[in-house]
Amino acid sequence: MLPSERIGIAAHMHVLLRRKTGRVTDTQWMADNAEYAREIVRIARLSAKEDGHTELIEWADKLELAMAPQAEQAALAGRSVSVTPSLGKLLASVGSPAPDNGLIGQASRYVRGLR
């Protein structure tokens, strides 16, 4: 699913939650962070169950479906990116060259720079 589609679903969910429950959410973070999106889905379903807002269930399902593949990718990417820079720093401290697998450069690629 395209990022713009995830943002669209997140924006719709944001508007529904704001109107139905008064809850304010972060649309961009919802579209980017699978853990935050899961929590929003949980809140939406709970609210739908308690207050009878059936439209929230429909959009919670859409958001969950949109974020499912991203959650798996984030888990894999998070492990490799967080481990690799530490390995590079450790090897640099003992004088050994860091392995050139491309992940160390990617981890710091956008720090203080434009994308």
PDB file of N, CA and C in Angstrom:
ATOM      1  N   MET A   1       0.838  -1.171   0.000  1.00  0.00           N
ATOM      2  CA  MET A   1       0.000   0.000   0.000  1.00  0.00           C
ATOM      3  C   MET A   1       0.891   1.245   0.000  1.00  0.00           C
ATOM      4  N   LEU A   2       0.499   2.215  -0.784  1.00  0.00           N
ATOM      5  CA  LEU A   2       1.262   3.454  -0.885  1.00  0.00           C
ATOM      6  C   LEU A   2       1.173   4.261   0.405  1.00  0.00           C
ATOM      7  N   PRO A   3       2.230   5.001   0.720  1.00  0.00           N
ATOM      8  CA  PRO A   3       2.178   5.843   1.923  1.00  0.00           C
ATOM      9  C   PRO A   3       1.029   6.851   1.887  1.00  0.00           C
ATOM     10  N   SER A   4       0.721   7.367   0.716  1.00  0.00           N
ATOM     11  CA  SER A   4      -0.382   8.337   0.619  1.00  0.00           C
ATOM     12  C   SER A   4      -1.722   7.689   0.964  1.00  0.00           C
ATOM     13  N   GLU A   5      -1.881   6.410   0.642  1.00  0.00           N
ATOM     14  CA  GLU A   5      -3.114   5.706   0.992  1.00  0.00           C
ATOM     15  C   GLU A   5      -3.206   5.491   2.503  1.00  0.00           C
ATOM     16  N   ARG A   6      -2.070   5.156   3.123  1.00  0.00           N
ATOM     17  CA  ARG A   6      -2.060   4.984   4.587  1.00  0.00           C
ATOM     18  C   ARG A   6      -2.366   6.307   5.278  1.00  0.00           C
ATOM     19  N   ILE A   7      -1.816   7.396   4.767  1.00  0.00           N
ATOM     20  CA  ILE A   7      -2.091   8.711   5.348  1.00  0.00           C
ATOM     21  C   ILE A   7      -3.568   9.064   5.190  1.00  0.00           C
ATOM     22  N   GLY A   8      -4.144   8.719   4.045  1.00  0.00           N
ATOM     23  CA  GLY A   8      -5.572   8.978   3.829  1.00  0.00           C
ATOM     24  C   GLY A   8      -6.448   8.229   4.812  1.00  0.00           C
ATOM     25  N   ILE A   9      -6.132   6.969   5.040  1.00  0.00           N
ATOM     26  CA  ILE A   9      -6.889   6.164   6.000  1.00  0.00           C
ATOM     27  C   ILE A   9      -6.694   6.719   7.412  1.00  0.00           C
ATOM     28  N   ALA A  10      -5.452   7.073   7.743  1.00  0.00           N
ATOM     29  CA  ALA A  10      -5.167   7.636   9.065  1.00  0.00           C
ATOM     30  C   ALA A  10      -5.897   8.965   9.266  1.00  0.00           C
ATOM     31  N   ALA A  11      -5.952   9.785   8.223  1.00  0.00           N
ATOM     32  CA  ALA A  11      -6.645  11.075   8.324  1.00  0.00           C
ATOM     33  C   ALA A  11      -8.144  10.873   8.552  1.00  0.00           C
ATOM     34  N   HIS A  12      -8.703   9.911   7.847  1.00  0.00           N
ATOM     35  CA  HIS A  12     -10.127   9.630   8.029  1.00  0.00           C
ATOM     36  C   HIS A  12     -10.398   9.121   9.451  1.00  0.00           C
ATOM     37  N   MET A  13      -9.512   8.260   9.931  1.00  0.00           N
ATOM     38  CA  MET A  13      -9.651   7.743  11.292  1.00  0.00           C
ATOM     39  C   MET A  13      -9.517   8.884  12.308  1.00  0.00           C
ATOM     40  N   HIS A  14      -8.594   9.800  12.060  1.00  0.00           N
ATOM     41  CA  HIS A  14      -8.407  10.953  12.941  1.00  0.00           C
ATOM     42  C   HIS A  14      -9.695  11.775  13.039  1.00  0.00           C
ATOM     43  N   VAL A  15     -10.296  12.059  11.889  1.00  0.00           N
ATOM     44  CA  VAL A  15     -11.523  12.860  11.868  1.00  0.00           C
ATOM     45  C   VAL A  15     -12.649  12.134  12.596  1.00  0.00           C
ATOM     46  N   LEU A  16     -12.795  10.841  12.345  1.00  0.00           N
ATOM     47  CA  LEU A  16     -13.854  10.080  13.024  1.00  0.00           C
ATOM     48  C   LEU A  16     -13.663  10.064  14.537  1.00  0.00           C
ATOM     49  N   LEU A  17     -12.436   9.817  14.976  1.00  0.00           N
ATOM     50  CA  LEU A  17     -12.185   9.784  16.418  1.00  0.00           C
ATOM     51  C   LEU A  17     -12.417  11.153  17.047  1.00  0.00           C
ATOM     52  N   ARG A  18     -12.047  12.196  16.343  1.00  0.00           N
ATOM     53  CA  ARG A  18     -12.255  13.551  16.864  1.00  0.00           C
ATOM     54  C   ARG A  18     -13.742  13.859  16.986  1.00  0.00           C
ATOM     55  N   ARG A  19     -14.517  13.500  15.971  1.00  0.00           N
ATOM     56  CA  ARG A  19     -15.946  13.800  15.983  1.00  0.00           C
ATOM     57  C   ARG A  19     -16.725  12.906  16.944  1.00  0.00           C
ATOM     58  N   LYS A  20     -16.406  11.625  16.949  1.00  0.00           N
ATOM     59  CA  LYS A  20     -17.198  10.670  17.732  1.00  0.00           C
ATOM     60  C   LYS A  20     -16.785  10.616  19.202  1.00  0.00           C
ATOM     61  N   THR A  21     -15.476  10.742  19.475  1.00  0.00           N
ATOM     62  CA  THR A  21     -15.001  10.546  20.842  1.00  0.00           C
ATOM     63  C   THR A  21     -14.317  11.766  21.442  1.00  0.00           C
ATOM     64  N   GLY A  22     -13.972  12.747  20.610  1.00  0.00           N
ATOM     65  CA  GLY A  22     -13.250  13.910  21.099  1.00  0.00           C
ATOM     66  C   GLY A  22     -11.756  13.679  21.220  1.00  0.00           C
ATOM     67  N   ARG A  23     -11.274  12.524  20.787  1.00  0.00           N
ATOM     68  CA  ARG A  23      -9.855  12.184  20.898  1.00  0.00           C
ATOM     69  C   ARG A  23      -9.078  12.782  19.722  1.00  0.00           C
ATOM     70  N   VAL A  24      -7.944  13.387  20.021  1.00  0.00           N
ATOM     71  CA  VAL A  24      -7.080  13.962  18.996  1.00  0.00           C
ATOM     72  C   VAL A  24      -5.906  13.012  18.778  1.00  0.00           C
ATOM     73  N   THR A  25      -5.608  12.732  17.528  1.00  0.00           N
ATOM     74  CA  THR A  25      -4.526  11.809  17.185  1.00  0.00           C
ATOM     75  C   THR A  25      -3.540  12.494  16.248  1.00  0.00           C
ATOM     76  N   ASP A  26      -2.412  11.857  16.029  1.00  0.00           N
ATOM     77  CA  ASP A  26      -1.384  12.350  15.112  1.00  0.00           C
ATOM     78  C   ASP A  26      -1.465  11.525  13.834  1.00  0.00           C
ATOM     79  N   THR A  27      -1.963  12.137  12.786  1.00  0.00           N
ATOM     80  CA  THR A  27      -2.211  11.420  11.533  1.00  0.00           C
ATOM     81  C   THR A  27      -0.926  10.876  10.923  1.00  0.00           C
ATOM     82  N   GLN A  28       0.097  11.697  10.837  1.00  0.00           N
ATOM     83  CA  GLN A  28       1.360  11.262  10.227  1.00  0.00           C
ATOM     84  C   GLN A  28       1.989  10.125  11.024  1.00  0.00           C
ATOM     85  N   TRP A  29       1.984  10.245  12.335  1.00  0.00           N
ATOM     86  CA  TRP A  29       2.571   9.207  13.180  1.00  0.00           C
ATOM     87  C   TRP A  29       1.772   7.909  13.059  1.00  0.00           C
ATOM     88  N   MET A  30       0.457   8.041  12.936  1.00  0.00           N
ATOM     89  CA  MET A  30      -0.396   6.867  12.770  1.00  0.00           C
ATOM     90  C   MET A  30      -0.060   6.136  11.471  1.00  0.00           C
ATOM     91  N   ALA A  31       0.230   6.875  10.420  1.00  0.00           N
ATOM     92  CA  ALA A  31       0.541   6.270   9.126  1.00  0.00           C
ATOM     93  C   ALA A  31       1.958   5.694   9.088  1.00  0.00           C
ATOM     94  N   ASP A  32       2.856   6.210   9.932  1.00  0.00           N
ATOM     95  CA  ASP A  32       4.254   5.774   9.916  1.00  0.00           C
ATOM     96  C   ASP A  32       4.588   4.714  10.953  1.00  0.00           C
ATOM     97  N   ASN A  33       3.938   4.745  12.098  1.00  0.00           N
ATOM     98  CA  ASN A  33       4.298   3.884  13.216  1.00  0.00           C
ATOM     99  C   ASN A  33       3.235   2.815  13.434  1.00  0.00           C
ATOM    100  N   ALA A  34       3.590   1.566  13.187  1.00  0.00           N
ATOM    101  CA  ALA A  34       2.635   0.462  13.279  1.00  0.00           C
ATOM    102  C   ALA A  34       2.139   0.253  14.715  1.00  0.00           C
ATOM    103  N   GLU A  35       3.003   0.477  15.694  1.00  0.00           N
ATOM    104  CA  GLU A  35       2.592   0.287  17.088  1.00  0.00           C
ATOM    105  C   GLU A  35       1.539   1.328  17.484  1.00  0.00           C
ATOM    106  N   TYR A  36       1.752   2.574  17.097  1.00  0.00           N
ATOM    107  CA  TYR A  36       0.785   3.632  17.382  1.00  0.00           C
ATOM    108  C   TYR A  36      -0.532   3.331  16.657  1.00  0.00           C
ATOM    109  N   ALA A  37      -0.441   2.879  15.423  1.00  0.00           N
ATOM    110  CA  ALA A  37      -1.652   2.555  14.655  1.00  0.00           C
ATOM    111  C   ALA A  37      -2.434   1.424  15.327  1.00  0.00           C
ATOM    112  N   ARG A  38      -1.728   0.409  15.849  1.00  0.00           N
ATOM    113  CA  ARG A  38      -2.413  -0.678  16.559  1.00  0.00           C
ATOM    114  C   ARG A  38      -3.158  -0.154  17.781  1.00  0.00           C
ATOM    115  N   GLU A  39      -2.550   0.781  18.491  1.00  0.00           N
ATOM    116  CA  GLU A  39      -3.202   1.350  19.669  1.00  0.00           C
ATOM    117  C   GLU A  39      -4.434   2.161  19.266  1.00  0.00           C
ATOM    118  N   ILE A  40      -4.348   2.898  18.177  1.00  0.00           N
ATOM    119  CA  ILE A  40      -5.497   3.664  17.685  1.00  0.00           C
ATOM    120  C   ILE A  40      -6.617   2.710  17.266  1.00  0.00           C
ATOM    121  N   VAL A  41      -6.262   1.614  16.622  1.00  0.00           N
ATOM    122  CA  VAL A  41      -7.258   0.604  16.234  1.00  0.00           C
ATOM    123  C   VAL A  41      -7.943   0.046  17.478  1.00  0.00           C
ATOM    124  N   ARG A  42      -7.159  -0.232  18.512  1.00  0.00           N
ATOM    125  CA  ARG A  42      -7.725  -0.763  19.756  1.00  0.00           C
ATOM    126  C   ARG A  42      -8.692   0.239  20.383  1.00  0.00           C
ATOM    127  N   ILE A  43      -8.281   1.495  20.429  1.00  0.00           N
ATOM    128  CA  ILE A  43      -9.134   2.541  21.009  1.00  0.00           C
ATOM    129  C   ILE A  43     -10.413   2.705  20.192  1.00  0.00           C
ATOM    130  N   ALA A  44     -10.285   2.690  18.875  1.00  0.00           N
ATOM    131  CA  ALA A  44     -11.452   2.860  18.006  1.00  0.00           C
ATOM    132  C   ALA A  44     -12.443   1.714  18.196  1.00  0.00           C
ATOM    133  N   ARG A  45     -11.942   0.505  18.279  1.00  0.00           N
ATOM    134  CA  ARG A  45     -12.838  -0.644  18.465  1.00  0.00           C
ATOM    135  C   ARG A  45     -13.506  -0.614  19.834  1.00  0.00           C
ATOM    136  N   LEU A  46     -12.749  -0.220  20.839  1.00  0.00           N
ATOM    137  CA  LEU A  46     -13.313  -0.114  22.179  1.00  0.00           C
ATOM    138  C   LEU A  46     -14.410   0.949  22.217  1.00  0.00           C
ATOM    139  N   SER A  47     -14.154   2.080  21.604  1.00  0.00           N
ATOM    140  CA  SER A  47     -15.146   3.154  21.553  1.00  0.00           C
ATOM    141  C   SER A  47     -16.377   2.729  20.761  1.00  0.00           C
ATOM    142  N   ALA A  48     -16.153   2.020  19.667  1.00  0.00           N
ATOM    143  CA  ALA A  48     -17.279   1.552  18.858  1.00  0.00           C
ATOM    144  C   ALA A  48     -18.143   0.577  19.651  1.00  0.00           C
ATOM    145  N   LYS A  49     -17.488  -0.265  20.425  1.00  0.00           N
ATOM    146  CA  LYS A  49     -18.216  -1.253  21.230  1.00  0.00           C
ATOM    147  C   LYS A  49     -19.016  -0.571  22.348  1.00  0.00           C
ATOM    148  N   GLU A  50     -18.401   0.410  23.011  1.00  0.00           N
ATOM    149  CA  GLU A  50     -19.057   1.075  24.137  1.00  0.00           C
ATOM    150  C   GLU A  50     -20.149   2.042  23.684  1.00  0.00           C
ATOM    151  N   ASP A  51     -19.878   2.810  22.615  1.00  0.00           N
ATOM    152  CA  ASP A  51     -20.782   3.879  22.218  1.00  0.00           C
ATOM    153  C   ASP A  51     -21.582   3.588  20.957  1.00  0.00           C
ATOM    154  N   GLY A  52     -21.337   2.468  20.320  1.00  0.00           N
ATOM    155  CA  GLY A  52     -22.097   2.086  19.136  1.00  0.00           C
ATOM    156  C   GLY A  52     -21.717   2.807  17.851  1.00  0.00           C
ATOM    157  N   HIS A  53     -20.491   3.299  17.760  1.00  0.00           N
ATOM    158  CA  HIS A  53     -20.030   3.969  16.537  1.00  0.00           C
ATOM    159  C   HIS A  53     -19.507   2.914  15.559  1.00  0.00           C
ATOM    160  N   THR A  54     -20.412   2.357  14.755  1.00  0.00           N
ATOM    161  CA  THR A  54     -20.044   1.256  13.860  1.00  0.00           C
ATOM    162  C   THR A  54     -19.080   1.696  12.766  1.00  0.00           C
ATOM    163  N   GLU A  55     -19.104   2.957  12.396  1.00  0.00           N
ATOM    164  CA  GLU A  55     -18.205   3.447  11.354  1.00  0.00           C
ATOM    165  C   GLU A  55     -16.738   3.346  11.802  1.00  0.00           C
ATOM    166  N   LEU A  56     -16.503   3.471  13.095  1.00  0.00           N
ATOM    167  CA  LEU A  56     -15.145   3.339  13.611  1.00  0.00           C
ATOM    168  C   LEU A  56     -14.595   1.942  13.397  1.00  0.00           C
ATOM    169  N   ILE A  57     -15.433   0.933  13.508  1.00  0.00           N
ATOM    170  CA  ILE A  57     -14.978  -0.447  13.306  1.00  0.00           C
ATOM    171  C   ILE A  57     -14.511  -0.638  11.866  1.00  0.00           C
ATOM    172  N   GLU A  58     -15.282  -0.131  10.933  1.00  0.00           N
ATOM    173  CA  GLU A  58     -14.933  -0.255   9.514  1.00  0.00           C
ATOM    174  C   GLU A  58     -13.570   0.376   9.222  1.00  0.00           C
ATOM    175  N   TRP A  59     -13.341   1.584   9.725  1.00  0.00           N
ATOM    176  CA  TRP A  59     -12.083   2.280   9.446  1.00  0.00           C
ATOM    177  C   TRP A  59     -10.935   1.716  10.273  1.00  0.00           C
ATOM    178  N   ALA A  60     -11.224   1.175  11.442  1.00  0.00           N
ATOM    179  CA  ALA A  60     -10.180   0.509  12.227  1.00  0.00           C
ATOM    180  C   ALA A  60      -9.676  -0.723  11.482  1.00  0.00           C
ATOM    181  N   ASP A  61     -10.591  -1.460  10.859  1.00  0.00           N
ATOM    182  CA  ASP A  61     -10.191  -2.620  10.056  1.00  0.00           C
ATOM    183  C   ASP A  61      -9.326  -2.203   8.876  1.00  0.00           C
ATOM    184  N   LYS A  62      -9.703  -1.101   8.228  1.00  0.00           N
ATOM    185  CA  LYS A  62      -8.917  -0.601   7.088  1.00  0.00           C
ATOM    186  C   LYS A  62      -7.518  -0.187   7.528  1.00  0.00           C
ATOM    187  N   LEU A  63      -7.431   0.504   8.656  1.00  0.00           N
ATOM    188  CA  LEU A  63      -6.124   0.939   9.155  1.00  0.00           C
ATOM    189  C   LEU A  63      -5.266  -0.260   9.534  1.00  0.00           C
ATOM    190  N   GLU A  64      -5.871  -1.220  10.184  1.00  0.00           N
ATOM    191  CA  GLU A  64      -5.125  -2.419  10.576  1.00  0.00           C
ATOM    192  C   GLU A  64      -4.603  -3.164   9.355  1.00  0.00           C
ATOM    193  N   LEU A  65      -5.414  -3.278   8.335  1.00  0.00           N
ATOM    194  CA  LEU A  65      -4.993  -3.942   7.103  1.00  0.00           C
ATOM    195  C   LEU A  65      -3.882  -3.157   6.414  1.00  0.00           C
ATOM    196  N   ALA A  66      -3.987  -1.840   6.412  1.00  0.00           N
ATOM    197  CA  ALA A  66      -2.973  -1.006   5.758  1.00  0.00           C
ATOM    198  C   ALA A  66      -1.632  -1.092   6.474  1.00  0.00           C
ATOM    199  N   MET A  67      -1.651  -1.260   7.784  1.00  0.00           N
ATOM    200  CA  MET A  67      -0.421  -1.253   8.565  1.00  0.00           C
ATOM    201  C   MET A  67       0.177  -2.642   8.778  1.00  0.00           C
ATOM    202  N   ALA A  68      -0.527  -3.691   8.457  1.00  0.00           N
ATOM    203  CA  ALA A  68      -0.043  -5.049   8.725  1.00  0.00           C
ATOM    204  C   ALA A  68       1.299  -5.350   8.065  1.00  0.00           C
ATOM    205  N   PRO A  69       1.472  -5.133   6.775  1.00  0.00           N
ATOM    206  CA  PRO A  69       2.778  -5.441   6.179  1.00  0.00           C
ATOM    207  C   PRO A  69       3.881  -4.530   6.719  1.00  0.00           C
ATOM    208  N   GLN A  70       3.568  -3.292   7.046  1.00  0.00           N
ATOM    209  CA  GLN A  70       4.561  -2.359   7.533  1.00  0.00           C
ATOM    210  C   GLN A  70       5.087  -2.784   8.904  1.00  0.00           C
ATOM    211  N   ALA A  71       4.234  -3.368   9.712  1.00  0.00           N
ATOM    212  CA  ALA A  71       4.650  -3.802  11.039  1.00  0.00           C
ATOM    213  C   ALA A  71       5.725  -4.876  10.940  1.00  0.00           C
ATOM    214  N   GLU A  72       5.568  -5.800  10.015  1.00  0.00           N
ATOM    215  CA  GLU A  72       6.565  -6.846   9.829  1.00  0.00           C
ATOM    216  C   GLU A  72       7.881  -6.264   9.319  1.00  0.00           C
ATOM    217  N   GLN A  73       7.807  -5.333   8.386  1.00  0.00           N
ATOM    218  CA  GLN A  73       9.014  -4.710   7.845  1.00  0.00           C
ATOM    219  C   GLN A  73       9.719  -3.884   8.913  1.00  0.00           C
ATOM    220  N   ALA A  74       8.955  -3.164   9.731  1.00  0.00           N
ATOM    221  CA  ALA A  74       9.547  -2.328  10.769  1.00  0.00           C
ATOM    222  C   ALA A  74      10.269  -3.174  11.808  1.00  0.00           C
ATOM    223  N   ALA A  75       9.704  -4.324  12.128  1.00  0.00           N
ATOM    224  CA  ALA A  75      10.350  -5.201  13.108  1.00  0.00           C
ATOM    225  C   ALA A  75      11.688  -5.687  12.579  1.00  0.00           C
ATOM    226  N   LEU A  76      11.729  -6.061  11.322  1.00  0.00           N
ATOM    227  CA  LEU A  76      12.978  -6.525  10.721  1.00  0.00           C
ATOM    228  C   LEU A  76      13.965  -5.381  10.559  1.00  0.00           C
ATOM    229  N   ALA A  77      13.517  -4.256  10.057  1.00  0.00           N
ATOM    230  CA  ALA A  77      14.409  -3.119   9.826  1.00  0.00           C
ATOM    231  C   ALA A  77      14.930  -2.562  11.149  1.00  0.00           C
ATOM    232  N   GLY A  78      14.079  -2.506  12.150  1.00  0.00           N
ATOM    233  CA  GLY A  78      14.487  -1.981  13.445  1.00  0.00           C
ATOM    234  C   GLY A  78      15.601  -2.795  14.076  1.00  0.00           C
ATOM    235  N   ARG A  79      15.524  -4.094  13.927  1.00  0.00           N
ATOM    236  CA  ARG A  79      16.560  -4.949  14.492  1.00  0.00           C
ATOM    237  C   ARG A  79      17.882  -4.740  13.781  1.00  0.00           C
ATOM    238  N   SER A  80      17.885  -4.741  12.460  1.00  0.00           N
ATOM    239  CA  SER A  80      19.149  -4.658  11.739  1.00  0.00           C
ATOM    240  C   SER A  80      19.771  -3.272  11.848  1.00  0.00           C
ATOM    241  N   VAL A  81      18.968  -2.220  11.796  1.00  0.00           N
ATOM    242  CA  VAL A  81      19.513  -0.874  11.855  1.00  0.00           C
ATOM    243  C   VAL A  81      20.033  -0.563  13.249  1.00  0.00           C
ATOM    244  N   SER A  82      19.330  -1.005  14.290  1.00  0.00           N
ATOM    245  CA  SER A  82      19.772  -0.685  15.641  1.00  0.00           C
ATOM    246  C   SER A  82      21.000  -1.489  16.046  1.00  0.00           C
ATOM    247  N   VAL A  83      21.169  -2.683  15.512  1.00  0.00           N
ATOM    248  CA  VAL A  83      22.312  -3.510  15.863  1.00  0.00           C
ATOM    249  C   VAL A  83      23.544  -3.104  15.073  1.00  0.00           C
ATOM    250  N   THR A  84      23.395  -2.800  13.813  1.00  0.00           N
ATOM    251  CA  THR A  84      24.533  -2.545  12.943  1.00  0.00           C
ATOM    252  C   THR A  84      25.364  -1.329  13.353  1.00  0.00           C
ATOM    253  N   PRO A  85      24.762  -0.157  13.659  1.00  0.00           N
ATOM    254  CA  PRO A  85      25.603   0.960  14.071  1.00  0.00           C
ATOM    255  C   PRO A  85      26.389   0.665  15.347  1.00  0.00           C
ATOM    256  N   SER A  86      25.804  -0.075  16.269  1.00  0.00           N
ATOM    257  CA  SER A  86      26.513  -0.439  17.488  1.00  0.00           C
ATOM    258  C   SER A  86      27.704  -1.324  17.160  1.00  0.00           C
ATOM    259  N   LEU A  87      27.523  -2.227  16.227  1.00  0.00           N
ATOM    260  CA  LEU A  87      28.612  -3.089  15.797  1.00  0.00           C
ATOM    261  C   LEU A  87      29.702  -2.252  15.157  1.00  0.00           C
ATOM    262  N   GLY A  88      29.315  -1.291  14.326  1.00  0.00           N
ATOM    263  CA  GLY A  88      30.295  -0.426  13.674  1.00  0.00           C
ATOM    264  C   GLY A  88      31.091   0.380  14.687  1.00  0.00           C
ATOM    265  N   LYS A  89      30.430   0.912  15.718  1.00  0.00           N
ATOM    266  CA  LYS A  89      31.121   1.679  16.754  1.00  0.00           C
ATOM    267  C   LYS A  89      32.069   0.780  17.545  1.00  0.00           C
ATOM    268  N   LEU A  90      31.628  -0.439  17.843  1.00  0.00           N
ATOM    269  CA  LEU A  90      32.457  -1.374  18.591  1.00  0.00           C
ATOM    270  C   LEU A  90      33.703  -1.731  17.802  1.00  0.00           C
ATOM    271  N   LEU A  91      33.540  -2.041  16.514  1.00  0.00           N
ATOM    272  CA  LEU A  91      34.683  -2.398  15.686  1.00  0.00           C
ATOM    273  C   LEU A  91      35.630  -1.208  15.507  1.00  0.00           C
ATOM    274  N   ALA A  92      35.065   0.004  15.404  1.00  0.00           N
ATOM    275  CA  ALA A  92      35.905   1.189  15.263  1.00  0.00           C
ATOM    276  C   ALA A  92      36.718   1.429  16.531  1.00  0.00           C
ATOM    277  N   SER A  93      36.141   1.126  17.687  1.00  0.00           N
ATOM    278  CA  SER A  93      36.859   1.359  18.939  1.00  0.00           C
ATOM    279  C   SER A  93      38.020   0.394  19.129  1.00  0.00           C
ATOM    280  N   VAL A  94      37.956  -0.789  18.531  1.00  0.00           N
ATOM    281  CA  VAL A  94      39.058  -1.747  18.638  1.00  0.00           C
ATOM    282  C   VAL A  94      39.988  -1.681  17.429  1.00  0.00           C
ATOM    283  N   GLY A  95      39.700  -0.773  16.496  1.00  0.00           N
ATOM    284  CA  GLY A  95      40.592  -0.574  15.357  1.00  0.00           C
ATOM    285  C   GLY A  95      40.298  -1.465  14.172  1.00  0.00           C
ATOM    286  N   SER A  96      39.230  -2.212  14.215  1.00  0.00           N
ATOM    287  CA  SER A  96      38.869  -3.082  13.103  1.00  0.00           C
ATOM    288  C   SER A  96      37.920  -2.331  12.181  1.00  0.00           C
ATOM    289  N   PRO A  97      38.072  -2.489  10.862  1.00  0.00           N
ATOM    290  CA  PRO A  97      37.165  -1.783   9.954  1.00  0.00           C
ATOM    291  C   PRO A  97      35.749  -2.341  10.061  1.00  0.00           C
ATOM    292  N   ALA A  98      34.767  -1.457   9.961  1.00  0.00           N
ATOM    293  CA  ALA A  98      33.366  -1.876  10.023  1.00  0.00           C
ATOM    294  C   ALA A  98      32.995  -2.601   8.740  1.00  0.00           C
ATOM    295  N   PRO A  99      32.122  -3.600   8.826  1.00  0.00           N
ATOM    296  CA  PRO A  99      31.691  -4.299   7.614  1.00  0.00           C
ATOM    297  C   PRO A  99      30.906  -3.350   6.722  1.00  0.00           C
ATOM    298  N   ASP A 100      31.141  -3.446   5.433  1.00  0.00           N
ATOM    299  CA  ASP A 100      30.467  -2.543   4.492  1.00  0.00           C
ATOM    300  C   ASP A 100      29.231  -3.240   3.938  1.00  0.00           C
ATOM    301  N   ASN A 101      28.166  -3.293   4.736  1.00  0.00           N
ATOM    302  CA  ASN A 101      26.918  -3.895   4.266  1.00  0.00           C
ATOM    303  C   ASN A 101      25.894  -2.843   3.879  1.00  0.00           C
ATOM    304  N   GLY A 102      26.247  -1.560   3.959  1.00  0.00           N
ATOM    305  CA  GLY A 102      25.363  -0.487   3.534  1.00  0.00           C
ATOM    306  C   GLY A 102      24.384  -0.024   4.597  1.00  0.00           C
ATOM    307  N   LEU A 103      24.220  -0.770   5.669  1.00  0.00           N
ATOM    308  CA  LEU A 103      23.230  -0.405   6.686  1.00  0.00           C
ATOM    309  C   LEU A 103      23.718   0.720   7.585  1.00  0.00           C
ATOM    310  N   ILE A 104      25.013   0.794   7.839  1.00  0.00           N
ATOM    311  CA  ILE A 104      25.531   1.843   8.705  1.00  0.00           C
ATOM    312  C   ILE A 104      25.316   3.203   8.045  1.00  0.00           C
ATOM    313  N   GLY A 105      25.564   3.301   6.774  1.00  0.00           N
ATOM    314  CA  GLY A 105      25.343   4.549   6.055  1.00  0.00           C
ATOM    315  C   GLY A 105      23.879   4.920   6.008  1.00  0.00           C
ATOM    316  N   GLN A 106      22.999   3.932   5.887  1.00  0.00           N
ATOM    317  CA  GLN A 106      21.562   4.201   5.835  1.00  0.00           C
ATOM    318  C   GLN A 106      21.037   4.693   7.175  1.00  0.00           C
ATOM    319  N   ALA A 107      21.587   4.206   8.265  1.00  0.00           N
ATOM    320  CA  ALA A 107      21.090   4.583   9.585  1.00  0.00           C
ATOM    321  C   ALA A 107      21.286   6.069   9.847  1.00  0.00           C
ATOM    322  N   SER A 108      22.386   6.646   9.379  1.00  0.00           N
ATOM    323  CA  SER A 108      22.655   8.058   9.631  1.00  0.00           C
ATOM    324  C   SER A 108      22.426   8.914   8.388  1.00  0.00           C
ATOM    325  N   ARG A 109      21.816   8.369   7.397  1.00  0.00           N
ATOM    326  CA  ARG A 109      21.651   9.044   6.120  1.00  0.00           C
ATOM    327  C   ARG A 109      20.877  10.350   6.223  1.00  0.00           C
ATOM    328  N   TYR A 110      19.842  10.396   7.033  1.00  0.00           N
ATOM    329  CA  TYR A 110      18.980  11.567   7.087  1.00  0.00           C
ATOM    330  C   TYR A 110      19.218  12.431   8.328  1.00  0.00           C
ATOM    331  N   VAL A 111      20.234  12.136   9.079  1.00  0.00           N
ATOM    332  CA  VAL A 111      20.504  12.951  10.253  1.00  0.00           C
ATOM    333  C   VAL A 111      21.064  14.287   9.793  1.00  0.00           C
ATOM    334  N   ARG A 112      20.377  15.352  10.145  1.00  0.00           N
ATOM    335  CA  ARG A 112      20.754  16.713   9.790  1.00  0.00           C
ATOM    336  C   ARG A 112      20.915  16.912   8.285  1.00  0.00           C
ATOM    337  N   GLY A 113      20.089  16.259   7.523  1.00  0.00           N
ATOM    338  CA  GLY A 113      20.144  16.431   6.082  1.00  0.00           C
ATOM    339  C   GLY A 113      18.754  16.328   5.468  1.00  0.00           C
ATOM    340  N   LEU A 114      18.679  16.705   4.240  1.00  0.00           N
ATOM    341  CA  LEU A 114      17.428  16.603   3.537  1.00  0.00           C
ATOM    342  C   LEU A 114      17.245  15.193   3.009  1.00  0.00           C
ATOM    343  N   ARG A 115      16.002  14.788   2.898  1.00  0.00           N
ATOM    344  CA  ARG A 115      15.723  13.468   2.345  1.00  0.00           C
ATOM    345  C   ARG A 115      15.702  13.523   0.859  1.00  0.00           C
TER     346      ARG A 115
END
